[in-house]
Amino acid sequence: MRVAFVVSRKVGKAVVRNRVRRRLRESLRAMLRETPASTPAGASGPVGLGPERRWPRSFDALVIVRPSAAEADYHELREALRRALDQASAAGKRPSAKPSPSPKGRPPAPAGAGSTAGSA
């Protein structure tokens, strides 16, 4: 599992950004340490990482930190990170329904755009 944290200057000065980054890294480490021991042979259940073993072992995530994280304490950051990783891992398990590409790689035109019929 790889997780990257993007903490922009909008979060605060370097000291604040680094504090938020350190808290997030430590909360991720703590959650990974909480991964239950391996299940007995033949037992069914999730086999991933994390407190509830929901996160897949091969999983990459990019966490974009918002300015409100500067005022959050460790426990609030940890809970927000857990929710974000749960959402991201659940989204990765669903089959993606990509829209069919439009001709020549252009996005489809909005309704009524480009039509010259009837305009005077």
PDB file of N, CA and C in Angstrom:
ATOM      1  N   MET A   1       0.846  -1.164   0.000  1.00  0.00           N
ATOM      2  CA  MET A   1       0.000   0.000   0.000  1.00  0.00           C
ATOM      3  C   MET A   1       0.893   1.229   0.000  1.00  0.00           C
ATOM      4  N   ARG A   2       0.578   2.137  -0.924  1.00  0.00           N
ATOM      5  CA  ARG A   2       1.308   3.400  -0.978  1.00  0.00           C
ATOM      6  C   ARG A   2       0.306   4.533  -0.881  1.00  0.00           C
ATOM      7  N   VAL A   3       0.614   5.500  -0.013  1.00  0.00           N
ATOM      8  CA  VAL A   3      -0.254   6.658   0.173  1.00  0.00           C
ATOM      9  C   VAL A   3       0.624   7.902   0.122  1.00  0.00           C
ATOM     10  N   ALA A   4       0.216   8.874  -0.684  1.00  0.00           N
ATOM     11  CA  ALA A   4       0.933  10.141  -0.772  1.00  0.00           C
ATOM     12  C   ALA A   4       0.024  11.248  -0.255  1.00  0.00           C
ATOM     13  N   PHE A   5       0.603  12.198   0.454  1.00  0.00           N
ATOM     14  CA  PHE A   5      -0.150  13.319   0.994  1.00  0.00           C
ATOM     15  C   PHE A   5       0.282  14.587   0.286  1.00  0.00           C
ATOM     16  N   VAL A   6      -0.680  15.328  -0.258  1.00  0.00           N
ATOM     17  CA  VAL A   6      -0.413  16.616  -0.890  1.00  0.00           C
ATOM     18  C   VAL A   6      -0.927  17.681   0.066  1.00  0.00           C
ATOM     19  N   VAL A   7       0.004  18.471   0.607  1.00  0.00           N
ATOM     20  CA  VAL A   7      -0.355  19.514   1.568  1.00  0.00           C
ATOM     21  C   VAL A   7       0.120  20.837   0.974  1.00  0.00           C
ATOM     22  N   SER A   8      -0.821  21.611   0.444  1.00  0.00           N
ATOM     23  CA  SER A   8      -0.455  22.852  -0.232  1.00  0.00           C
ATOM     24  C   SER A   8      -0.196  23.972   0.765  1.00  0.00           C
ATOM     25  N   ARG A   9       0.288  25.093   0.249  1.00  0.00           N
ATOM     26  CA  ARG A   9       0.569  26.241   1.095  1.00  0.00           C
ATOM     27  C   ARG A   9      -0.693  26.877   1.661  1.00  0.00           C
ATOM     28  N   LYS A  10      -1.834  26.529   1.102  1.00  0.00           N
ATOM     29  CA  LYS A  10      -3.102  27.037   1.638  1.00  0.00           C
ATOM     30  C   LYS A  10      -3.371  26.490   3.038  1.00  0.00           C
ATOM     31  N   VAL A  11      -2.754  25.347   3.364  1.00  0.00           N
ATOM     32  CA  VAL A  11      -2.940  24.747   4.688  1.00  0.00           C
ATOM     33  C   VAL A  11      -2.249  25.598   5.748  1.00  0.00           C
ATOM     34  N   GLY A  12      -1.128  26.191   5.401  1.00  0.00           N
ATOM     35  CA  GLY A  12      -0.411  27.022   6.362  1.00  0.00           C
ATOM     36  C   GLY A  12       1.063  27.103   5.998  1.00  0.00           C
ATOM     37  N   LYS A  13       1.817  27.660   6.907  1.00  0.00           N
ATOM     38  CA  LYS A  13       3.254  27.762   6.688  1.00  0.00           C
ATOM     39  C   LYS A  13       3.901  26.391   6.826  1.00  0.00           C
ATOM     40  N   ALA A  14       5.178  26.305   6.556  1.00  0.00           N
ATOM     41  CA  ALA A  14       5.875  25.016   6.502  1.00  0.00           C
ATOM     42  C   ALA A  14       5.737  24.211   7.789  1.00  0.00           C
ATOM     43  N   VAL A  15       5.800  24.875   8.930  1.00  0.00           N
ATOM     44  CA  VAL A  15       5.701  24.166  10.209  1.00  0.00           C
ATOM     45  C   VAL A  15       4.343  23.486  10.340  1.00  0.00           C
ATOM     46  N   VAL A  16       3.287  24.191   9.966  1.00  0.00           N
ATOM     47  CA  VAL A  16       1.932  23.647  10.052  1.00  0.00           C
ATOM     48  C   VAL A  16       1.751  22.518   9.051  1.00  0.00           C
ATOM     49  N   ARG A  17       2.213  22.726   7.817  1.00  0.00           N
ATOM     50  CA  ARG A  17       2.080  21.687   6.788  1.00  0.00           C
ATOM     51  C   ARG A  17       2.815  20.414   7.194  1.00  0.00           C
ATOM     52  N   ASN A  18       3.999  20.563   7.740  1.00  0.00           N
ATOM     53  CA  ASN A  18       4.768  19.386   8.153  1.00  0.00           C
ATOM     54  C   ASN A  18       4.114  18.694   9.343  1.00  0.00           C
ATOM     55  N   ARG A  19       3.527  19.454  10.262  1.00  0.00           N
ATOM     56  CA  ARG A  19       2.846  18.851  11.403  1.00  0.00           C
ATOM     57  C   ARG A  19       1.655  18.021  10.917  1.00  0.00           C
ATOM     58  N   VAL A  20       0.872  18.575   9.988  1.00  0.00           N
ATOM     59  CA  VAL A  20      -0.277  17.841   9.440  1.00  0.00           C
ATOM     60  C   VAL A  20       0.204  16.582   8.734  1.00  0.00           C
ATOM     61  N   ARG A  21       1.255  16.706   7.946  1.00  0.00           N
ATOM     62  CA  ARG A  21       1.790  15.550   7.218  1.00  0.00           C
ATOM     63  C   ARG A  21       2.281  14.468   8.189  1.00  0.00           C
ATOM     64  N   ARG A  22       2.986  14.872   9.257  1.00  0.00           N
ATOM     65  CA  ARG A  22       3.469  13.903  10.248  1.00  0.00           C
ATOM     66  C   ARG A  22       2.312  13.205  10.945  1.00  0.00           C
ATOM     67  N   ARG A  23       1.278  13.961  11.314  1.00  0.00           N
ATOM     68  CA  ARG A  23       0.121  13.359  11.976  1.00  0.00           C
ATOM     69  C   ARG A  23      -0.579  12.360  11.062  1.00  0.00           C
ATOM     70  N   LEU A  24      -0.716  12.703   9.794  1.00  0.00           N
ATOM     71  CA  LEU A  24      -1.366  11.784   8.851  1.00  0.00           C
ATOM     72  C   LEU A  24      -0.538  10.516   8.652  1.00  0.00           C
ATOM     73  N   ARG A  25       0.775  10.685   8.512  1.00  0.00           N
ATOM     74  CA  ARG A  25       1.628   9.491   8.343  1.00  0.00           C
ATOM     75  C   ARG A  25       1.562   8.588   9.556  1.00  0.00           C
ATOM     76  N   GLU A  26       1.597   9.185  10.743  1.00  0.00           N
ATOM     77  CA  GLU A  26       1.550   8.369  11.965  1.00  0.00           C
ATOM     78  C   GLU A  26       0.183   7.707  12.127  1.00  0.00           C
ATOM     79  N   SER A  27      -0.883   8.406  11.781  1.00  0.00           N
ATOM     80  CA  SER A  27      -2.204   7.780  11.896  1.00  0.00           C
ATOM     81  C   SER A  27      -2.338   6.625  10.909  1.00  0.00           C
ATOM     82  N   LEU A  28      -1.759   6.746   9.723  1.00  0.00           N
ATOM     83  CA  LEU A  28      -1.774   5.632   8.776  1.00  0.00           C
ATOM     84  C   LEU A  28      -0.973   4.456   9.329  1.00  0.00           C
ATOM     85  N   ARG A  29       0.192   4.730   9.889  1.00  0.00           N
ATOM     86  CA  ARG A  29       0.994   3.649  10.488  1.00  0.00           C
ATOM     87  C   ARG A  29       0.221   2.953  11.601  1.00  0.00           C
ATOM     88  N   ALA A  30      -0.439   3.743  12.447  1.00  0.00           N
ATOM     89  CA  ALA A  30      -1.194   3.165  13.564  1.00  0.00           C
ATOM     90  C   ALA A  30      -2.332   2.294  13.044  1.00  0.00           C
ATOM     91  N   MET A  31      -3.021   2.747  12.011  1.00  0.00           N
ATOM     92  CA  MET A  31      -4.116   1.950  11.460  1.00  0.00           C
ATOM     93  C   MET A  31      -3.602   0.659  10.830  1.00  0.00           C
ATOM     94  N   LEU A  32      -2.437   0.723  10.194  1.00  0.00           N
ATOM     95  CA  LEU A  32      -1.876  -0.500   9.597  1.00  0.00           C
ATOM     96  C   LEU A  32      -1.408  -1.470  10.680  1.00  0.00           C
ATOM     97  N   ARG A  33      -0.927  -0.927  11.811  1.00  0.00           N
ATOM     98  CA  ARG A  33      -0.540  -1.803  12.929  1.00  0.00           C
ATOM     99  C   ARG A  33      -1.749  -2.500  13.535  1.00  0.00           C
ATOM    100  N   GLU A  34      -2.925  -1.900  13.398  1.00  0.00           N
ATOM    101  CA  GLU A  34      -4.145  -2.479  13.944  1.00  0.00           C
ATOM    102  C   GLU A  34      -4.695  -3.605  13.079  1.00  0.00           C
ATOM    103  N   THR A  35      -4.062  -3.888  11.952  1.00  0.00           N
ATOM    104  CA  THR A  35      -4.533  -4.974  11.096  1.00  0.00           C
ATOM    105  C   THR A  35      -4.507  -6.261  11.907  1.00  0.00           C
ATOM    106  N   PRO A  36      -5.653  -6.954  12.003  1.00  0.00           N
ATOM    107  CA  PRO A  36      -5.683  -8.188  12.786  1.00  0.00           C
ATOM    108  C   PRO A  36      -4.688  -9.213  12.244  1.00  0.00           C
ATOM    109  N   ALA A  37      -4.271 -10.103  13.131  1.00  0.00           N
ATOM    110  CA  ALA A  37      -3.365 -11.173  12.718  1.00  0.00           C
ATOM    111  C   ALA A  37      -4.053 -11.997  11.642  1.00  0.00           C
ATOM    112  N   SER A  38      -3.271 -12.754  10.914  1.00  0.00           N
ATOM    113  CA  SER A  38      -3.828 -13.533   9.811  1.00  0.00           C
ATOM    114  C   SER A  38      -4.936 -14.454  10.309  1.00  0.00           C
ATOM    115  N   THR A  39      -5.942 -14.615   9.460  1.00  0.00           N
ATOM    116  CA  THR A  39      -7.086 -15.450   9.828  1.00  0.00           C
ATOM    117  C   THR A  39      -6.703 -16.919   9.735  1.00  0.00           C
ATOM    118  N   PRO A  40      -7.331 -17.777  10.525  1.00  0.00           N
ATOM    119  CA  PRO A  40      -7.022 -19.200  10.465  1.00  0.00           C
ATOM    120  C   PRO A  40      -7.330 -19.770   9.086  1.00  0.00           C
ATOM    121  N   ALA A  41      -6.649 -20.823   8.740  1.00  0.00           N
ATOM    122  CA  ALA A  41      -6.844 -21.447   7.434  1.00  0.00           C
ATOM    123  C   ALA A  41      -8.293 -21.882   7.283  1.00  0.00           C
ATOM    124  N   GLY A  42      -8.847 -21.577   6.147  1.00  0.00           N
ATOM    125  CA  GLY A  42     -10.216 -21.976   5.870  1.00  0.00           C
ATOM    126  C   GLY A  42     -11.253 -20.970   6.326  1.00  0.00           C
ATOM    127  N   ALA A  43     -10.850 -19.956   7.085  1.00  0.00           N
ATOM    128  CA  ALA A  43     -11.809 -18.959   7.544  1.00  0.00           C
ATOM    129  C   ALA A  43     -12.056 -17.960   6.425  1.00  0.00           C
ATOM    130  N   SER A  44     -13.301 -17.576   6.292  1.00  0.00           N
ATOM    131  CA  SER A  44     -13.612 -16.599   5.266  1.00  0.00           C
ATOM    132  C   SER A  44     -13.623 -15.215   5.888  1.00  0.00           C
ATOM    133  N   GLY A  45     -13.518 -14.208   5.043  1.00  0.00           N
ATOM    134  CA  GLY A  45     -13.518 -12.843   5.526  1.00  0.00           C
ATOM    135  C   GLY A  45     -12.543 -12.020   4.729  1.00  0.00           C
ATOM    136  N   PRO A  46     -12.486 -10.727   5.020  1.00  0.00           N
ATOM    137  CA  PRO A  46     -11.580  -9.862   4.280  1.00  0.00           C
ATOM    138  C   PRO A  46     -10.122 -10.202   4.545  1.00  0.00           C
ATOM    139  N   VAL A  47      -9.283 -10.003   3.548  1.00  0.00           N
ATOM    140  CA  VAL A  47      -7.866 -10.351   3.684  1.00  0.00           C
ATOM    141  C   VAL A  47      -6.967  -9.149   3.440  1.00  0.00           C
ATOM    142  N   GLY A  48      -7.509  -7.949   3.488  1.00  0.00           N
ATOM    143  CA  GLY A  48      -6.732  -6.762   3.191  1.00  0.00           C
ATOM    144  C   GLY A  48      -6.042  -6.182   4.407  1.00  0.00           C
ATOM    145  N   LEU A  49      -5.712  -4.905   4.293  1.00  0.00           N
ATOM    146  CA  LEU A  49      -5.021  -4.175   5.353  1.00  0.00           C
ATOM    147  C   LEU A  49      -5.990  -3.262   6.082  1.00  0.00           C
ATOM    148  N   GLY A  50      -5.548  -2.708   7.190  1.00  0.00           N
ATOM    149  CA  GLY A  50      -6.347  -1.751   7.938  1.00  0.00           C
ATOM    150  C   GLY A  50      -7.076  -2.398   9.092  1.00  0.00           C
ATOM    151  N   PRO A  51      -7.710  -1.559   9.921  1.00  0.00           N
ATOM    152  CA  PRO A  51      -8.385  -2.079  11.116  1.00  0.00           C
ATOM    153  C   PRO A  51      -9.450  -3.128  10.803  1.00  0.00           C
ATOM    154  N   GLU A  52     -10.202  -2.932   9.734  1.00  0.00           N
ATOM    155  CA  GLU A  52     -11.242  -3.895   9.371  1.00  0.00           C
ATOM    156  C   GLU A  52     -10.831  -4.764   8.196  1.00  0.00           C
ATOM    157  N   ARG A  53      -9.568  -4.676   7.827  1.00  0.00           N
ATOM    158  CA  ARG A  53      -8.998  -5.455   6.712  1.00  0.00           C
ATOM    159  C   ARG A  53      -9.742  -5.199   5.408  1.00  0.00           C
ATOM    160  N   ARG A  54     -10.142  -3.944   5.188  1.00  0.00           N
ATOM    161  CA  ARG A  54     -10.890  -3.594   3.983  1.00  0.00           C
ATOM    162  C   ARG A  54     -10.003  -3.095   2.859  1.00  0.00           C
ATOM    163  N   TRP A  55      -8.818  -2.628   3.168  1.00  0.00           N
ATOM    164  CA  TRP A  55      -7.979  -2.006   2.158  1.00  0.00           C
ATOM    165  C   TRP A  55      -7.146  -3.074   1.455  1.00  0.00           C
ATOM    166  N   PRO A  56      -7.152  -3.077   0.135  1.00  0.00           N
ATOM    167  CA  PRO A  56      -6.365  -4.079  -0.594  1.00  0.00           C
ATOM    168  C   PRO A  56      -4.866  -3.895  -0.351  1.00  0.00           C
ATOM    169  N   ARG A  57      -4.139  -4.973  -0.484  1.00  0.00           N
ATOM    170  CA  ARG A  57      -2.689  -4.896  -0.243  1.00  0.00           C
ATOM    171  C   ARG A  57      -1.985  -4.076  -1.318  1.00  0.00           C
ATOM    172  N   SER A  58      -2.373  -4.205  -2.560  1.00  0.00           N
ATOM    173  CA  SER A  58      -1.777  -3.388  -3.620  1.00  0.00           C
ATOM    174  C   SER A  58      -2.736  -2.244  -3.903  1.00  0.00           C
ATOM    175  N   PHE A  59      -2.452  -1.123  -3.287  1.00  0.00           N
ATOM    176  CA  PHE A  59      -3.374  -0.003  -3.306  1.00  0.00           C
ATOM    177  C   PHE A  59      -2.568   1.281  -3.249  1.00  0.00           C
ATOM    178  N   ASP A  60      -2.787   2.174  -4.201  1.00  0.00           N
ATOM    179  CA  ASP A  60      -2.123   3.467  -4.223  1.00  0.00           C
ATOM    180  C   ASP A  60      -3.179   4.539  -4.002  1.00  0.00           C
ATOM    181  N   ALA A  61      -2.885   5.499  -3.141  1.00  0.00           N
ATOM    182  CA  ALA A  61      -3.836   6.577  -2.870  1.00  0.00           C
ATOM    183  C   ALA A  61      -3.099   7.902  -2.795  1.00  0.00           C
ATOM    184  N   LEU A  62      -3.751   8.938  -3.283  1.00  0.00           N
ATOM    185  CA  LEU A  62      -3.246  10.296  -3.202  1.00  0.00           C
ATOM    186  C   LEU A  62      -4.246  11.080  -2.362  1.00  0.00           C
ATOM    187  N   VAL A  63      -3.810  11.567  -1.219  1.00  0.00           N
ATOM    188  CA  VAL A  63      -4.684  12.291  -0.296  1.00  0.00           C
ATOM    189  C   VAL A  63      -4.361  13.774  -0.412  1.00  0.00           C
ATOM    190  N   ILE A  64      -5.353  14.549  -0.840  1.00  0.00           N
ATOM    191  CA  ILE A  64      -5.180  15.999  -0.949  1.00  0.00           C
ATOM    192  C   ILE A  64      -5.729  16.620   0.327  1.00  0.00           C
ATOM    193  N   VAL A  65      -4.857  17.243   1.078  1.00  0.00           N
ATOM    194  CA  VAL A  65      -5.198  17.774   2.396  1.00  0.00           C
ATOM    195  C   VAL A  65      -5.793  19.173   2.239  1.00  0.00           C
ATOM    196  N   ARG A  66      -6.929  19.392   2.866  1.00  0.00           N
ATOM    197  CA  ARG A  66      -7.618  20.680   2.816  1.00  0.00           C
ATOM    198  C   ARG A  66      -7.151  21.587   3.952  1.00  0.00           C
ATOM    199  N   PRO A  67      -7.315  22.922   3.794  1.00  0.00           N
ATOM    200  CA  PRO A  67      -6.849  23.856   4.819  1.00  0.00           C
ATOM    201  C   PRO A  67      -7.435  23.622   6.204  1.00  0.00           C
ATOM    202  N   SER A  68      -8.625  23.057   6.289  1.00  0.00           N
ATOM    203  CA  SER A  68      -9.229  22.817   7.604  1.00  0.00           C
ATOM    204  C   SER A  68      -8.436  21.802   8.420  1.00  0.00           C
ATOM    205  N   ALA A  69      -7.558  21.039   7.787  1.00  0.00           N
ATOM    206  CA  ALA A  69      -6.746  20.061   8.507  1.00  0.00           C
ATOM    207  C   ALA A  69      -5.769  20.731   9.469  1.00  0.00           C
ATOM    208  N   ALA A  70      -5.450  21.995   9.239  1.00  0.00           N
ATOM    209  CA  ALA A  70      -4.503  22.697  10.110  1.00  0.00           C
ATOM    210  C   ALA A  70      -5.043  22.829  11.534  1.00  0.00           C
ATOM    211  N   GLU A  71      -6.364  22.940  11.682  1.00  0.00           N
ATOM    212  CA  GLU A  71      -6.958  23.093  13.011  1.00  0.00           C
ATOM    213  C   GLU A  71      -7.403  21.761  13.612  1.00  0.00           C
ATOM    214  N   ALA A  72      -7.370  20.690  12.834  1.00  0.00           N
ATOM    215  CA  ALA A  72      -7.850  19.391  13.313  1.00  0.00           C
ATOM    216  C   ALA A  72      -6.817  18.743  14.226  1.00  0.00           C
ATOM    217  N   ASP A  73      -7.306  18.031  15.237  1.00  0.00           N
ATOM    218  CA  ASP A  73      -6.375  17.304  16.102  1.00  0.00           C
ATOM    219  C   ASP A  73      -6.095  15.919  15.490  1.00  0.00           C
ATOM    220  N   TYR A  74      -5.249  15.175  16.150  1.00  0.00           N
ATOM    221  CA  TYR A  74      -4.805  13.875  15.643  1.00  0.00           C
ATOM    222  C   TYR A  74      -5.977  12.935  15.382  1.00  0.00           C
ATOM    223  N   HIS A  75      -6.907  12.862  16.311  1.00  0.00           N
ATOM    224  CA  HIS A  75      -8.015  11.916  16.190  1.00  0.00           C
ATOM    225  C   HIS A  75      -8.958  12.285  15.048  1.00  0.00           C
ATOM    226  N   GLU A  76      -9.175  13.583  14.846  1.00  0.00           N
ATOM    227  CA  GLU A  76     -10.004  14.023  13.716  1.00  0.00           C
ATOM    228  C   GLU A  76      -9.327  13.701  12.391  1.00  0.00           C
ATOM    229  N   LEU A  77      -8.014  13.935  12.316  1.00  0.00           N
ATOM    230  CA  LEU A  77      -7.277  13.606  11.089  1.00  0.00           C
ATOM    231  C   LEU A  77      -7.299  12.109  10.820  1.00  0.00           C
ATOM    232  N   ARG A  78      -7.138  11.329  11.881  1.00  0.00           N
ATOM    233  CA  ARG A  78      -7.122   9.877  11.725  1.00  0.00           C
ATOM    234  C   ARG A  78      -8.468   9.366  11.205  1.00  0.00           C
ATOM    235  N   GLU A  79      -9.555   9.878  11.767  1.00  0.00           N
ATOM    236  CA  GLU A  79     -10.882   9.446  11.332  1.00  0.00           C
ATOM    237  C   GLU A  79     -11.151   9.879   9.887  1.00  0.00           C
ATOM    238  N   ALA A  80     -10.757  11.083   9.537  1.00  0.00           N
ATOM    239  CA  ALA A  80     -10.940  11.562   8.161  1.00  0.00           C
ATOM    240  C   ALA A  80     -10.117  10.725   7.185  1.00  0.00           C
ATOM    241  N   LEU A  81      -8.894  10.372   7.570  1.00  0.00           N
ATOM    242  CA  LEU A  81      -8.055   9.540   6.710  1.00  0.00           C
ATOM    243  C   LEU A  81      -8.650   8.147   6.547  1.00  0.00           C
ATOM    244  N   ARG A  82      -9.165   7.581   7.632  1.00  0.00           N
ATOM    245  CA  ARG A  82      -9.789   6.254   7.544  1.00  0.00           C
ATOM    246  C   ARG A  82     -10.984   6.280   6.594  1.00  0.00           C
ATOM    247  N   ARG A  83     -11.826   7.309   6.719  1.00  0.00           N
ATOM    248  CA  ARG A  83     -12.983   7.426   5.825  1.00  0.00           C
ATOM    249  C   ARG A  83     -12.548   7.579   4.371  1.00  0.00           C
ATOM    250  N   ALA A  84     -11.512   8.395   4.140  1.00  0.00           N
ATOM    251  CA  ALA A  84     -11.031   8.617   2.772  1.00  0.00           C
ATOM    252  C   ALA A  84     -10.479   7.326   2.165  1.00  0.00           C
ATOM    253  N   LEU A  85      -9.712   6.573   2.948  1.00  0.00           N
ATOM    254  CA  LEU A  85      -9.159   5.314   2.426  1.00  0.00           C
ATOM    255  C   LEU A  85     -10.248   4.271   2.214  1.00  0.00           C
ATOM    256  N   ASP A  86     -11.258   4.253   3.095  1.00  0.00           N
ATOM    257  CA  ASP A  86     -12.386   3.339   2.890  1.00  0.00           C
ATOM    258  C   ASP A  86     -13.106   3.674   1.590  1.00  0.00           C
ATOM    259  N   GLN A  87     -13.343   4.966   1.359  1.00  0.00           N
ATOM    260  CA  GLN A  87     -14.020   5.385   0.129  1.00  0.00           C
ATOM    261  C   GLN A  87     -13.195   5.040  -1.094  1.00  0.00           C
ATOM    262  N   ALA A  88     -11.905   5.326  -1.038  1.00  0.00           N
ATOM    263  CA  ALA A  88     -11.044   5.085  -2.192  1.00  0.00           C
ATOM    264  C   ALA A  88     -10.921   3.597  -2.497  1.00  0.00           C
ATOM    265  N   SER A  89     -10.806   2.775  -1.467  1.00  0.00           N
ATOM    266  CA  SER A  89     -10.671   1.340  -1.717  1.00  0.00           C
ATOM    267  C   SER A  89     -11.981   0.756  -2.213  1.00  0.00           C
ATOM    268  N   ALA A  90     -13.113   1.277  -1.740  1.00  0.00           N
ATOM    269  CA  ALA A  90     -14.410   0.797  -2.230  1.00  0.00           C
ATOM    270  C   ALA A  90     -14.603   1.210  -3.677  1.00  0.00           C
ATOM    271  N   ALA A  91     -14.158   2.405  -4.039  1.00  0.00           N
ATOM    272  CA  ALA A  91     -14.286   2.863  -5.419  1.00  0.00           C
ATOM    273  C   ALA A  91     -13.411   2.027  -6.344  1.00  0.00           C
ATOM    274  N   GLY A  92     -12.284   1.554  -5.854  1.00  0.00           N
ATOM    275  CA  GLY A  92     -11.395   0.743  -6.669  1.00  0.00           C
ATOM    276  C   GLY A  92     -11.924  -0.648  -6.932  1.00  0.00           C
ATOM    277  N   LYS A  93     -12.855  -1.116  -6.104  1.00  0.00           N
ATOM    278  CA  LYS A  93     -13.395  -2.461  -6.265  1.00  0.00           C
ATOM    279  C   LYS A  93     -14.555  -2.498  -7.252  1.00  0.00           C
ATOM    280  N   ARG A  94     -15.205  -1.342  -7.468  1.00  0.00           N
ATOM    281  CA  ARG A  94     -16.334  -1.302  -8.385  1.00  0.00           C
ATOM    282  C   ARG A  94     -15.825  -1.277  -9.819  1.00  0.00           C
ATOM    283  N   PRO A  95     -16.531  -1.932 -10.725  1.00  0.00           N
ATOM    284  CA  PRO A  95     -16.138  -1.815 -12.120  1.00  0.00           C
ATOM    285  C   PRO A  95     -16.405  -0.401 -12.604  1.00  0.00           C
ATOM    286  N   SER A  96     -15.455   0.155 -13.306  1.00  0.00           N
ATOM    287  CA  SER A  96     -15.615   1.528 -13.763  1.00  0.00           C
ATOM    288  C   SER A  96     -16.429   1.537 -15.050  1.00  0.00           C
ATOM    289  N   ALA A  97     -17.393   2.405 -15.100  1.00  0.00           N
ATOM    290  CA  ALA A  97     -18.219   2.564 -16.283  1.00  0.00           C
ATOM    291  C   ALA A  97     -17.759   3.833 -16.985  1.00  0.00           C
ATOM    292  N   LYS A  98     -16.803   3.693 -17.883  1.00  0.00           N
ATOM    293  CA  LYS A  98     -16.278   4.842 -18.598  1.00  0.00           C
ATOM    294  C   LYS A  98     -17.221   5.185 -19.748  1.00  0.00           C
ATOM    295  N   PRO A  99     -17.487   6.476 -19.931  1.00  0.00           N
ATOM    296  CA  PRO A  99     -18.325   6.846 -21.071  1.00  0.00           C
ATOM    297  C   PRO A  99     -17.583   6.583 -22.368  1.00  0.00           C
ATOM    298  N   SER A 100     -18.335   6.287 -23.407  1.00  0.00           N
ATOM    299  CA  SER A 100     -17.701   6.015 -24.691  1.00  0.00           C
ATOM    300  C   SER A 100     -17.084   7.302 -25.214  1.00  0.00           C
ATOM    301  N   PRO A 101     -15.902   7.215 -25.789  1.00  0.00           N
ATOM    302  CA  PRO A 101     -15.230   8.420 -26.275  1.00  0.00           C
ATOM    303  C   PRO A 101     -15.958   9.005 -27.480  1.00  0.00           C
ATOM    304  N   SER A 102     -15.926  10.320 -27.577  1.00  0.00           N
ATOM    305  CA  SER A 102     -16.546  10.986 -28.708  1.00  0.00           C
ATOM    306  C   SER A 102     -15.577  10.958 -29.884  1.00  0.00           C
ATOM    307  N   PRO A 103     -16.055  11.242 -31.080  1.00  0.00           N
ATOM    308  CA  PRO A 103     -15.184  11.209 -32.252  1.00  0.00           C
ATOM    309  C   PRO A 103     -14.018  12.174 -32.114  1.00  0.00           C
ATOM    310  N   LYS A 104     -12.874  11.738 -32.567  1.00  0.00           N
ATOM    311  CA  LYS A 104     -11.637  12.525 -32.582  1.00  0.00           C
ATOM    312  C   LYS A 104     -11.196  12.976 -31.197  1.00  0.00           C
ATOM    313  N   GLY A 105     -11.660  12.286 -30.150  1.00  0.00           N
ATOM    314  CA  GLY A 105     -11.202  12.575 -28.793  1.00  0.00           C
ATOM    315  C   GLY A 105     -11.719  13.872 -28.217  1.00  0.00           C
ATOM    316  N   ARG A 106     -12.702  14.507 -28.862  1.00  0.00           N
ATOM    317  CA  ARG A 106     -13.251  15.761 -28.356  1.00  0.00           C
ATOM    318  C   ARG A 106     -14.409  15.482 -27.415  1.00  0.00           C
ATOM    319  N   PRO A 107     -14.584  16.323 -26.400  1.00  0.00           N
ATOM    320  CA  PRO A 107     -15.743  16.130 -25.523  1.00  0.00           C
ATOM    321  C   PRO A 107     -17.020  16.456 -26.286  1.00  0.00           C
ATOM    322  N   PRO A 108     -18.125  15.837 -25.929  1.00  0.00           N
ATOM    323  CA  PRO A 108     -19.376  16.122 -26.635  1.00  0.00           C
ATOM    324  C   PRO A 108     -19.801  17.564 -26.400  1.00  0.00           C
ATOM    325  N   ALA A 109     -20.396  18.164 -27.436  1.00  0.00           N
ATOM    326  CA  ALA A 109     -20.845  19.553 -27.339  1.00  0.00           C
ATOM    327  C   ALA A 109     -22.112  19.633 -26.522  1.00  0.00           C
ATOM    328  N   PRO A 110     -22.281  20.689 -25.734  1.00  0.00           N
ATOM    329  CA  PRO A 110     -23.515  20.834 -24.965  1.00  0.00           C
ATOM    330  C   PRO A 110     -24.713  20.965 -25.890  1.00  0.00           C
ATOM    331  N   ALA A 111     -25.893  20.649 -25.381  1.00  0.00           N
ATOM    332  CA  ALA A 111     -27.098  20.702 -26.193  1.00  0.00           C
ATOM    333  C   ALA A 111     -27.321  22.114 -26.700  1.00  0.00           C
ATOM    334  N   GLY A 112     -27.594  22.215 -27.979  1.00  0.00           N
ATOM    335  CA  GLY A 112     -27.872  23.514 -28.590  1.00  0.00           C
ATOM    336  C   GLY A 112     -26.634  24.255 -29.048  1.00  0.00           C
ATOM    337  N   ALA A 113     -25.464  23.819 -28.669  1.00  0.00           N
ATOM    338  CA  ALA A 113     -24.243  24.502 -29.075  1.00  0.00           C
ATOM    339  C   ALA A 113     -23.835  24.053 -30.457  1.00  0.00           C
ATOM    340  N   GLY A 114     -23.372  24.965 -31.265  1.00  0.00           N
ATOM    341  CA  GLY A 114     -22.871  24.625 -32.579  1.00  0.00           C
ATOM    342  C   GLY A 114     -23.940  24.517 -33.642  1.00  0.00           C
ATOM    343  N   SER A 115     -25.169  24.676 -33.262  1.00  0.00           N
ATOM    344  CA  SER A 115     -26.250  24.586 -34.228  1.00  0.00           C
ATOM    345  C   SER A 115     -26.512  25.974 -34.782  1.00  0.00           C
ATOM    346  N   THR A 116     -26.438  26.120 -36.103  1.00  0.00           N
ATOM    347  CA  THR A 116     -26.683  27.422 -36.736  1.00  0.00           C
ATOM    348  C   THR A 116     -28.039  27.464 -37.421  1.00  0.00           C
ATOM    349  N   ALA A 117     -28.750  26.347 -37.440  1.00  0.00           N
ATOM    350  CA  ALA A 117     -30.052  26.321 -38.101  1.00  0.00           C
ATOM    351  C   ALA A 117     -31.039  27.147 -37.308  1.00  0.00           C
ATOM    352  N   GLY A 118     -31.768  28.025 -38.028  1.00  0.00           N
ATOM    353  CA  GLY A 118     -32.810  28.816 -37.408  1.00  0.00           C
ATOM    354  C   GLY A 118     -32.311  30.066 -36.710  1.00  0.00           C
ATOM    355  N   SER A 119     -31.009  30.354 -36.746  1.00  0.00           N
ATOM    356  CA  SER A 119     -30.530  31.574 -36.102  1.00  0.00           C
ATOM    357  C   SER A 119     -30.398  32.664 -37.140  1.00  0.00           C
ATOM    358  N   ALA A 120     -30.748  33.883 -36.769  1.00  0.00           N
ATOM    359  CA  ALA A 120     -30.669  34.972 -37.736  1.00  0.00           C
ATOM    360  C   ALA A 120     -29.987  36.162 -37.152  1.00  0.00           C
TER     361      ALA A 120
END
